[in-house]
């Protein structure tokens, strides 16, 4: 539930006036946390290709907004010591605009821990922050109409993050590449390994709740991620422009048409790829019980612990 319903309604109306139906629907989904009710065909393509998590406001969107806000603070010459605190304030206001869904609560709570760590000048591991966020968002279940921890959005959101934190090799983020071909190769390799890690955690849940999963979603994610990132960046620019226009009663139709035109082109490319991928996608179907889920994750934890132990021993002086 949004804390600023009138402002959200005004922004929705602005996007519907400036953009075509599918572009406006994607803008509402990617930037305002709305359902894709106005674009049933597009919603079906997203479901078939297994790329639904791209169209739910979560870590990708909040990270892009946080980076944009920090760059704005740098341009305004605001002291670096205030960047994290002020950016967290902006993220909180954005959460109030789109509604504090579970993925948004998860992302904002993890950002909150990083702000506190910076204020106390204590470094904390991402895994530690992850578990603190689980506890914090879990406690908020008492103020929600649904049971947060047992909801599918909670499990999918934290499952994706757990896959990145516990199944993805650290060098996937720390190793840097130089040269165009190496950068492209490194980008593809990192995105594939990230997608595989996320799917290792999420596939059993997807099969349990929906009964199907697209193995090609791993490849689709690699292809779509840069384009969706660009659409989100442009979307935040469009959102900022609309907020300024509403606040100052200023509106440049020429600039709006140029910006909306660029955004529309990117959305058309995204829709084209989704349509193409939906045509070649195939679904793996199964019905996973709760018992199977428990056994799967129990075995997965055992494999991860065993692998880390073997890796540690193999690098000991004795061997």
Foldseek 3Di string as FASTA:
>chain_A
DALCVVVLVLLLVVLPVQAPQLLSLLLCQQQQVDDSPSCVVLVVLCVLLVPVVLRGDAQLLLVLQLVVQLVVCVVVVPDPLCSLVVSLVVLVNSCNRNPVDLRSLLNSQLSVVVNVCSVVVHDDDSVVSLVVSVVVSQVCCVVDPDNQCPDLVNQLNSLLVCLCRQVADPCLPVPDDDDDVRNVVSLLVSLLSSLVSSCLRCVLVCCAVPQKDWPCSSVVCSVCVVLSSVLSNLSVVLVVVSVVCVVVVDDDPVVSNVSNVVSNVSSVVVSVSSVVSSVVIDMDGDHRDPVNSVVSVVVVVVVSVVVVVVVVVVPDPVD
